[in-house]
């Protein structure tokens, strides 16, 4: 009698629901392991991308030109301890700066990994006003105009593909690698102009051809800065603290225009040494690849609990309606089949892309669960409902993954509808019909 009572207790639907619910939670552990595998693949992908970027050229940031004038000033020492001489560099930004950029992108592959790189052609034109050293608040300073120089900041020197020349008032000036001081830029080029009168207003222009990857940015250092960029890349993302004043993005490419004045920045047109950081005035464009299969796979695996819970619920309903007993081990096999979907999706997606991988994986898992359901239930109609549930869930998940701006909204509405359907179906069950 005691054994029969234990058996009846274990066969009760309340206990069965508790066991199945605990099993569903336990089976979330493999889903976390799958997420770890996807993270590892993402890290490996990023490592390969960084290697390609290193060989081609990294993200490029171009800034300048900036006029730099060394100076020395005598100062009274502390506590009247004699006269000291301090040396420094005064920096003067251009009055107007116009940058025209054209990006020629291409995709590069190494094995199954793909990156986007570009060749950028930049034309920088503008003018310097007559330097006004009186605004630097350096009385008794001695400015060494013969040692003055221009600097242009370039973040990755490996990407320079031409021999640029800075033209000042119609005179071509030789360009040397490296920056003479690190007050403004950590890397770039320097132009020494001994034969140019730097105490007057100056017009300049220079053309740069740069290899880079993903992102091209410039710094708005002019009192008035105008920047134009265009490319045939159809998926740009505009970066920096300034958005374009005008932009056009079509399937054939994009064109963007910026206009920035000195009032939009937090630094003046001239200062000494490292008093200000110009990087805050950066603007540019990032060439995006469409959301890759790793990101979509990571998003999809987060819905694993939904797939497991709904499948367990439908099989519980089948048990109650048909009086057919399904062992917890059989529930586990169905859950593992659902989890195998994400492993298939990630591995196949690396080879043929996300959409085809999703189709193949979802069809394979749906057929597997439908076949297994038929071997258990021997009921075509019930198996048809199970197959319809799987198909609907995979279509719902695929729709959410394709959306970006409205993914949360669509997902929330979809989950609400699914819950309403489950609640309606539960009303057809006689929960206390068993003795």
Protein backbone atom coordinates (compact mmCIF):
# COMPACT_ATOMS: atom_id res chain seq x y z
CA UNK A 1 0.00 0.00 0.00
CA UNK A 2 2.83 2.35 0.83
CA UNK A 3 4.47 1.73 -2.57
CA UNK A 4 1.17 2.33 -4.36
CA UNK A 5 0.70 5.61 -2.50
CA UNK A 6 4.16 6.79 -3.46
CA UNK A 7 3.47 5.87 -7.08
CA UNK A 8 0.19 7.80 -7.08
CA UNK A 9 1.97 10.77 -5.53
CA UNK A 10 4.67 10.74 -8.23
CA UNK A 11 2.06 10.36 -10.98
CA UNK A 12 0.02 13.34 -9.81
CA UNK A 13 0.10 16.27 -12.21
CA UNK A 14 1.02 18.75 -9.47
CA UNK A 15 4.20 16.83 -8.68
CA UNK A 16 4.84 16.36 -12.39
CA UNK A 17 4.66 20.12 -12.94
CA UNK A 18 7.11 20.74 -10.12
CA UNK A 19 9.53 18.16 -11.53
CA UNK A 20 9.22 19.52 -15.07
CA UNK A 21 9.62 23.14 -13.89
CA UNK A 22 12.78 22.23 -11.99
CA UNK A 23 14.03 20.35 -15.01
CA UNK A 24 13.43 23.40 -17.24
CA UNK A 25 15.43 25.61 -14.89
CA UNK A 26 18.21 23.03 -14.67
CA UNK A 27 18.40 22.82 -18.47
CA UNK A 28 19.21 26.53 -18.62
CA UNK A 29 22.76 25.63 -17.59
CA UNK A 30 23.59 24.24 -21.08
CA UNK A 31 22.22 27.48 -22.59
CA UNK A 32 24.77 29.45 -20.55
CA UNK A 33 27.50 27.13 -21.78
CA UNK A 34 26.40 27.81 -25.36
CA UNK A 35 26.62 31.54 -24.65
CA UNK A 36 30.19 31.00 -23.42
CA UNK A 37 31.03 29.21 -26.67
CA UNK A 38 29.61 32.12 -28.68
CA UNK A 39 31.64 34.56 -26.57
CA UNK A 40 34.79 32.58 -27.36
CA UNK A 41 34.00 32.68 -31.08
CA UNK A 42 33.41 36.42 -30.87
CA UNK A 43 36.77 36.93 -29.14
CA UNK A 44 38.51 34.81 -31.77
CA UNK A 45 36.77 36.78 -34.51
CA UNK A 46 37.89 40.08 -32.95
CA UNK A 47 41.45 38.80 -32.65
CA UNK A 48 41.54 37.96 -36.37
CA UNK A 49 40.01 41.35 -37.21
CA UNK A 50 42.64 43.16 -35.14
CA UNK A 51 45.38 41.29 -37.01
CA UNK A 52 43.92 42.40 -40.34
CA UNK A 53 43.58 45.96 -39.08
CA UNK A 54 47.20 45.94 -37.98
CA UNK A 55 48.34 44.91 -41.46
CA UNK A 56 46.12 47.38 -43.32
CA UNK A 57 45.76 50.32 -40.95
CA UNK A 58 43.68 51.04 -37.86
CA UNK A 59 41.03 53.61 -37.13
CA UNK A 60 42.24 56.95 -38.43
CA UNK A 61 41.92 60.31 -36.68
CA UNK A 62 43.24 63.34 -38.55
CA UNK A 63 43.70 66.70 -36.82
CA UNK A 64 45.26 69.96 -37.88
CA UNK A 65 47.30 71.61 -39.15
CA UNK A 66 48.34 73.50 -36.05
CA UNK A 67 50.99 76.26 -35.94
CA UNK A 68 53.46 75.75 -33.07
CA UNK A 69 55.89 78.44 -31.96
CA UNK A 70 58.57 77.73 -29.30
CA UNK A 71 59.11 80.46 -26.70
CA UNK A 72 61.11 81.21 -23.62
CA UNK A 73 60.17 83.47 -20.77
CA UNK A 74 62.07 84.65 -17.72
CA UNK A 75 60.24 84.36 -14.43
CA UNK A 76 60.92 85.27 -10.85
CA UNK A 77 61.67 82.18 -8.76
CA UNK A 78 59.70 81.30 -5.65
CA UNK A 79 60.57 83.24 -2.52
CA UNK A 80 62.67 85.61 -4.67
CA UNK A 81 65.25 82.89 -5.30
CA UNK A 82 66.59 84.38 -8.51
CA UNK A 83 65.45 84.46 -12.11
CA UNK A 84 64.47 81.25 -13.95
CA UNK A 85 63.89 80.71 -17.65
CA UNK A 86 60.92 78.62 -18.75
CA UNK A 87 60.58 77.10 -22.20
CA UNK A 88 57.35 76.10 -23.87
CA UNK A 89 55.39 75.95 -27.10
CA UNK A 90 52.51 78.20 -28.15
CA UNK A 91 49.83 76.56 -30.31
CA UNK A 92 47.70 78.44 -32.83
CA UNK A 93 44.67 76.84 -34.51
CA UNK A 94 43.50 77.71 -38.03
CA UNK A 95 40.92 80.41 -38.56
CA UNK A 96 39.07 78.40 -41.20
CA UNK A 97 39.35 74.68 -41.90
CA UNK A 98 37.59 72.84 -44.70
CA UNK A 99 37.96 69.07 -45.04
CA UNK A 100 36.69 67.08 -48.01
CA UNK A 101 36.88 63.31 -47.56
CA UNK A 102 36.09 60.42 -49.87
CA UNK A 103 36.17 56.84 -48.57
CA UNK A 104 36.69 53.84 -50.84
CA UNK A 105 35.68 50.83 -48.72
CA UNK A 106 36.24 47.15 -49.33
CA UNK A 107 35.75 43.97 -47.34
CA UNK A 108 38.63 41.66 -46.54
CA UNK A 109 38.36 38.03 -45.43
CA UNK A 110 40.57 35.66 -43.54
CA UNK A 111 39.02 32.22 -43.35
CA UNK A 112 35.43 32.65 -42.20
CA UNK A 113 35.99 36.15 -40.79
CA UNK A 114 35.24 39.39 -42.60
CA UNK A 115 36.23 43.01 -41.93
CA UNK A 116 35.68 46.33 -43.66
CA UNK A 117 38.67 48.54 -44.52
CA UNK A 118 38.97 51.68 -46.62
CA UNK A 119 41.24 54.01 -48.50
CA UNK A 120 40.47 57.58 -47.50
CA UNK A 121 41.38 60.66 -49.51
CA UNK A 122 41.30 63.88 -47.49
CA UNK A 123 41.82 67.40 -48.78
CA UNK A 124 42.41 69.94 -46.03
CA UNK A 125 42.20 73.63 -46.92
CA UNK A 126 41.94 76.74 -44.83
CA UNK A 127 43.70 79.77 -43.43
CA UNK A 128 45.49 81.03 -40.36
CA UNK A 129 44.85 84.52 -39.05
CA UNK A 130 47.84 86.62 -38.11
CA UNK A 131 49.04 85.06 -34.80
CA UNK A 132 48.19 87.30 -31.86
CA UNK A 133 50.68 86.46 -29.11
CA UNK A 134 49.21 89.13 -26.85
CA UNK A 135 46.29 86.80 -26.04
CA UNK A 136 48.63 84.20 -24.53
CA UNK A 137 49.29 86.23 -21.37
CA UNK A 138 53.05 85.78 -21.62
CA UNK A 139 54.67 89.12 -20.86
CA UNK A 140 58.39 89.31 -21.61
CA UNK A 141 58.20 86.09 -23.66
CA UNK A 142 60.67 85.63 -26.50
CA UNK A 143 59.07 83.78 -29.46
CA UNK A 144 61.43 81.87 -31.73
CA UNK A 145 59.61 82.25 -35.07
CA UNK A 146 62.52 80.76 -37.00
CA UNK A 147 61.99 77.45 -35.17
CA UNK A 148 58.21 77.40 -35.63
CA UNK A 149 56.56 74.42 -37.29
CA UNK A 150 53.20 72.98 -38.28
CA UNK A 151 51.92 69.61 -37.04
CA UNK A 152 49.14 67.39 -38.35
CA UNK A 153 47.93 64.60 -36.13
CA UNK A 154 47.44 61.17 -37.74
CA UNK A 155 46.55 58.34 -35.37
CA UNK A 156 48.01 55.43 -37.41
CA UNK A 157 51.07 56.39 -39.44
CA UNK A 158 51.19 52.97 -41.12
CA UNK A 159 48.15 53.96 -43.16
CA UNK A 160 49.78 56.90 -45.03
CA UNK A 161 49.92 55.99 -48.73
CA UNK A 162 51.14 59.19 -50.40
CA UNK A 163 53.91 61.74 -49.93
CA UNK A 164 51.89 64.74 -48.73
CA UNK A 165 53.05 68.32 -49.16
CA UNK A 166 51.75 71.23 -47.14
CA UNK A 167 51.24 74.24 -49.40
CA UNK A 168 51.38 77.57 -47.55
CA UNK A 169 50.63 80.75 -49.50
CA UNK A 170 51.43 78.85 -52.68
CA UNK A 171 54.75 77.53 -51.40
CA UNK A 172 55.28 73.76 -51.07
CA UNK A 173 56.84 72.71 -47.79
CA UNK A 174 58.56 69.45 -46.94
CA UNK A 175 56.83 67.07 -44.56
CA UNK A 176 58.75 65.08 -41.93
CA UNK A 177 57.44 62.04 -40.04
CA UNK A 178 56.59 62.31 -36.37
CA UNK A 179 55.48 65.23 -34.21
CA UNK A 180 57.98 67.61 -32.70
CA UNK A 181 56.02 67.79 -29.44
CA UNK A 182 53.31 65.68 -27.80
CA UNK A 183 51.25 68.53 -26.44
CA UNK A 184 48.38 67.93 -28.90
CA UNK A 185 49.07 64.74 -30.86
CA UNK A 186 50.84 61.49 -30.06
CA UNK A 187 51.66 60.75 -33.71
CA UNK A 188 51.54 62.58 -37.01
CA UNK A 189 53.70 64.69 -39.32
CA UNK A 190 55.68 67.89 -38.87
CA UNK A 191 56.34 70.70 -41.36
CA UNK A 192 59.17 73.19 -40.76
CA UNK A 193 58.84 76.37 -42.79
CA UNK A 194 61.85 78.59 -42.40
CA UNK A 195 61.18 80.60 -45.55
CA UNK A 196 57.53 81.48 -44.83
CA UNK A 197 56.59 84.62 -42.97
CA UNK A 198 54.55 83.20 -40.08
CA UNK A 199 53.63 86.57 -38.58
CA UNK A 200 50.99 87.25 -41.21
CA UNK A 201 47.78 85.52 -42.31
CA UNK A 202 48.38 82.30 -44.26
CA UNK A 203 46.42 80.05 -46.60
CA UNK A 204 47.20 76.35 -46.65
CA UNK A 205 46.16 73.09 -48.26
CA UNK A 206 47.30 69.48 -48.08
CA UNK A 207 46.05 66.16 -49.44
CA UNK A 208 46.32 62.90 -47.49
CA UNK A 209 45.73 59.37 -48.74
CA UNK A 210 45.22 57.00 -45.81
CA UNK A 211 44.48 53.33 -45.35
CA UNK A 212 42.26 52.69 -42.38
CA UNK A 213 39.66 50.37 -40.97
CA UNK A 214 36.12 50.85 -39.73
CA UNK A 215 36.33 54.51 -38.69
CA UNK A 216 37.61 57.79 -40.13
CA UNK A 217 37.43 60.91 -37.96
CA UNK A 218 38.73 64.47 -38.04
CA UNK A 219 38.98 67.12 -35.35
CA UNK A 220 37.15 70.41 -35.80
CA UNK A 221 40.07 72.70 -34.95
CA UNK A 222 39.14 75.70 -37.09
CA UNK A 223 37.40 78.75 -35.76
CA UNK A 224 34.98 77.69 -38.46
CA UNK A 225 35.26 74.04 -39.51
CA UNK A 226 33.44 72.53 -42.48
CA UNK A 227 33.69 68.80 -43.10
CA UNK A 228 32.28 66.77 -45.98
CA UNK A 229 32.52 63.00 -46.26
CA UNK A 230 31.05 60.66 -48.84
CA UNK A 231 31.34 57.02 -49.82
CA UNK A 232 29.48 54.25 -51.60
CA UNK A 233 29.10 52.37 -48.29
CA UNK A 234 25.41 52.06 -47.46
CA UNK A 235 25.68 51.43 -43.70
CA UNK A 236 27.41 54.39 -42.03
CA UNK A 237 27.28 55.32 -38.37
CA UNK A 238 28.18 58.92 -37.60
CA UNK A 239 30.48 59.15 -34.59
CA UNK A 240 31.96 61.86 -32.40
CA UNK A 241 30.23 64.60 -30.46
CA UNK A 242 28.88 66.43 -33.52
CA UNK A 243 26.18 65.02 -35.77
CA UNK A 244 26.11 66.04 -39.45
CA UNK A 245 24.10 69.14 -40.26
CA UNK A 246 23.13 67.46 -43.54
CA UNK A 247 23.28 63.83 -44.52
CA UNK A 248 21.92 61.52 -47.17
CA UNK A 249 22.07 57.75 -46.80
CA UNK A 250 20.85 55.52 -49.63
CA UNK A 251 21.50 52.03 -50.91
CA UNK A 252 24.19 53.56 -53.15
CA UNK A 253 26.13 55.23 -50.34
CA UNK A 254 26.12 58.31 -48.13
CA UNK A 255 27.06 61.97 -48.08
CA UNK A 256 27.44 63.92 -44.83
CA UNK A 257 28.29 67.52 -44.01
CA UNK A 258 29.31 69.09 -40.70
CA UNK A 259 29.70 72.73 -39.73
CA UNK A 260 31.31 73.50 -36.36
CA UNK A 261 32.44 76.83 -34.89
CA UNK A 262 34.83 77.54 -32.04
CA UNK A 263 31.83 78.29 -29.81
CA UNK A 264 30.86 74.60 -29.99
CA UNK A 265 34.16 73.55 -28.38
CA UNK A 266 35.63 73.91 -24.93
CA UNK A 267 39.05 75.29 -25.95
CA UNK A 268 40.22 78.57 -27.55
CA UNK A 269 42.17 79.28 -30.74
CA UNK A 270 45.54 79.60 -29.02
CA UNK A 271 47.18 78.42 -25.79
CA UNK A 272 50.52 77.17 -24.50
CA UNK A 273 51.80 73.65 -23.78
CA UNK A 274 49.24 70.93 -22.80
CA UNK A 275 46.56 73.13 -21.38
CA UNK A 276 43.73 71.74 -23.56
CA UNK A 277 42.79 68.45 -25.19
CA UNK A 278 41.50 68.75 -28.75
CA UNK A 279 40.19 65.18 -29.02
CA UNK A 280 36.83 66.26 -27.64
CA UNK A 281 36.14 68.01 -30.97
CA UNK A 282 36.26 64.75 -32.95
CA UNK A 283 33.66 63.90 -35.58
CA UNK A 284 33.52 61.29 -38.29
CA UNK A 285 31.90 58.19 -39.70
CA UNK A 286 32.11 54.49 -38.93
CA UNK A 287 31.62 51.95 -41.71
CA UNK A 288 29.41 49.28 -40.19
CA UNK A 289 29.04 45.71 -41.28
CA UNK A 290 25.47 44.40 -40.93
CA UNK A 291 24.77 42.70 -37.59
CA UNK A 292 26.89 39.56 -37.82
CA UNK A 293 25.70 36.06 -37.06
CA UNK A 294 27.46 35.96 -33.68
CA UNK A 295 25.43 38.88 -32.37
CA UNK A 296 22.19 37.40 -33.64
CA UNK A 297 23.06 33.98 -32.25
CA UNK A 298 23.77 35.55 -28.86
CA UNK A 299 20.43 37.34 -28.96
CA UNK A 300 18.59 34.18 -29.99
CA UNK A 301 20.00 31.97 -27.21
CA UNK A 302 18.52 34.35 -24.64
CA UNK A 303 15.09 33.04 -25.69
CA UNK A 304 16.02 29.45 -24.78
CA UNK A 305 13.88 29.49 -21.62
CA UNK A 306 10.86 30.55 -23.68
CA UNK A 307 11.27 27.64 -26.09
CA UNK A 308 11.83 25.11 -23.31
CA UNK A 309 8.94 26.38 -21.16
CA UNK A 310 6.40 26.46 -24.00
CA UNK A 311 7.35 23.00 -25.20
CA UNK A 312 7.10 21.61 -21.68
CA UNK A 313 3.71 23.28 -21.23
CA UNK A 314 2.34 21.84 -24.47
CA UNK A 315 3.52 18.34 -23.55
CA UNK A 316 1.97 18.69 -20.10
CA UNK A 317 -1.32 19.66 -21.72
CA UNK A 318 -1.04 16.63 -23.99
CA UNK A 319 -0.48 14.40 -20.96
CA UNK A 320 -3.51 15.72 -19.15
CA UNK A 321 -5.82 15.60 -22.17
CA UNK A 322 -4.75 12.20 -23.48
CA UNK A 323 -3.92 10.50 -20.15
CA UNK A 324 -0.62 9.48 -21.79
CA UNK A 325 2.39 9.54 -19.48
CA UNK A 326 5.60 11.25 -20.65
CA UNK A 327 8.70 10.51 -18.63
CA UNK A 328 10.87 13.44 -17.39
CA UNK A 329 13.75 11.93 -19.34
CA UNK A 330 11.72 12.40 -22.52
CA UNK A 331 11.16 16.04 -21.57
CA UNK A 332 14.94 16.36 -21.22
CA UNK A 333 15.55 14.97 -24.70
CA UNK A 334 13.15 17.50 -26.20
CA UNK A 335 14.90 20.31 -24.31
CA UNK A 336 18.31 19.16 -25.50
CA UNK A 337 17.01 19.14 -29.07
CA UNK A 338 15.95 22.76 -28.58
CA UNK A 339 19.40 23.63 -27.23
CA UNK A 340 21.15 21.90 -30.12
CA UNK A 341 19.42 24.45 -32.36
CA UNK A 342 21.67 27.22 -31.01
CA UNK A 343 24.84 25.19 -31.48
CA UNK A 344 23.80 24.42 -35.07
CA UNK A 345 22.89 28.06 -35.67
CA UNK A 346 26.30 29.32 -34.52
CA UNK A 347 28.43 26.72 -36.29
CA UNK A 348 26.53 26.73 -39.59
CA UNK A 349 26.23 30.53 -39.52
CA UNK A 350 30.03 30.82 -39.56
CA UNK A 351 30.05 29.06 -42.91
CA UNK A 352 26.98 30.23 -44.86
CA UNK A 353 25.59 33.25 -43.00
CA UNK A 354 22.90 33.70 -40.40
CA UNK A 355 19.67 33.52 -42.43
CA UNK A 356 20.39 30.22 -44.17
CA UNK A 357 21.81 28.77 -40.97
CA UNK A 358 18.64 29.75 -39.13
CA UNK A 359 16.45 28.09 -41.76
CA UNK A 360 18.44 24.86 -41.78
CA UNK A 361 18.72 24.64 -37.97
CA UNK A 362 15.07 25.44 -37.26
CA UNK A 363 13.78 22.98 -39.88
CA UNK A 364 16.09 20.24 -38.60
CA UNK A 365 15.07 20.70 -34.94
CA UNK A 366 11.37 20.98 -35.79
CA UNK A 367 11.48 17.72 -37.79
CA UNK A 368 13.42 15.99 -35.00
CA UNK A 369 10.96 17.02 -32.27
CA UNK A 370 7.96 16.19 -34.48
CA UNK A 371 9.36 12.73 -35.22
CA UNK A 372 10.11 12.10 -31.55
CA UNK A 373 6.64 13.31 -30.55
CA UNK A 374 5.05 10.88 -32.99
CA UNK A 375 7.06 7.96 -31.57
CA UNK A 376 5.77 8.86 -28.10
CA UNK A 377 2.17 9.88 -28.77
CA UNK A 378 1.19 7.98 -31.94
CA UNK A 379 -1.25 10.79 -32.72
CA UNK A 380 -0.94 12.71 -35.99
CA UNK A 381 -3.16 15.56 -34.85
CA UNK A 382 -1.20 16.14 -31.65
CA UNK A 383 2.09 15.96 -33.53
CA UNK A 384 0.72 18.51 -35.99
CA UNK A 385 0.06 20.92 -33.13
CA UNK A 386 3.57 20.38 -31.78
CA UNK A 387 5.07 21.05 -35.22
CA UNK A 388 2.92 24.17 -35.59
CA UNK A 389 4.12 25.41 -32.21
CA UNK A 390 7.78 24.93 -33.19
CA UNK A 391 7.29 26.67 -36.54
CA UNK A 392 5.50 29.61 -34.94
CA UNK A 393 8.17 30.04 -32.27
CA UNK A 394 11.02 30.02 -34.78
CA UNK A 395 9.21 32.48 -37.05
CA UNK A 396 8.57 34.73 -34.05
CA UNK A 397 12.23 34.61 -32.98
CA UNK A 398 13.50 35.26 -36.51
CA UNK A 399 11.23 38.32 -36.83
CA UNK A 400 12.59 39.77 -33.57
CA UNK A 401 16.20 39.16 -34.63
CA UNK A 402 15.66 41.06 -37.89
CA UNK A 403 14.32 44.10 -36.07
CA UNK A 404 16.64 46.56 -34.38
CA UNK A 405 14.76 49.66 -33.28
CA UNK A 406 11.49 47.79 -32.57
CA UNK A 407 12.85 44.44 -31.33
CA UNK A 408 11.88 45.08 -27.70
CA UNK A 409 8.40 46.28 -28.64
CA UNK A 410 7.74 43.32 -30.96
CA UNK A 411 9.13 40.87 -28.42
CA UNK A 412 6.99 42.23 -25.59
CA UNK A 413 3.80 42.15 -27.66
CA UNK A 414 4.62 38.66 -28.92
CA UNK A 415 5.21 37.31 -25.41
CA UNK A 416 1.95 38.88 -24.24
CA UNK A 417 0.04 37.14 -27.05
CA UNK A 418 1.76 33.82 -26.31
CA UNK A 419 0.83 34.09 -22.63
CA UNK A 420 -2.77 34.86 -23.54
CA UNK A 421 -2.92 31.77 -25.77
CA UNK A 422 -1.47 29.55 -23.03
CA UNK A 423 -3.93 30.95 -20.48
CA UNK A 424 -6.82 30.29 -22.86
CA UNK A 425 -5.61 26.75 -23.51
CA UNK A 426 -5.29 26.09 -19.78
CA UNK A 427 -9.02 26.79 -19.38
CA UNK A 428 -9.75 23.65 -21.41
CA UNK A 429 -7.92 21.46 -18.90
CA UNK A 430 -9.79 19.74 -16.02
CA UNK A 431 -7.03 20.12 -13.48
CA UNK A 432 -8.76 18.16 -10.70
CA UNK A 433 -10.35 15.39 -12.77
CA UNK A 434 -7.87 12.80 -11.51
CA UNK A 435 -8.79 10.94 -8.37
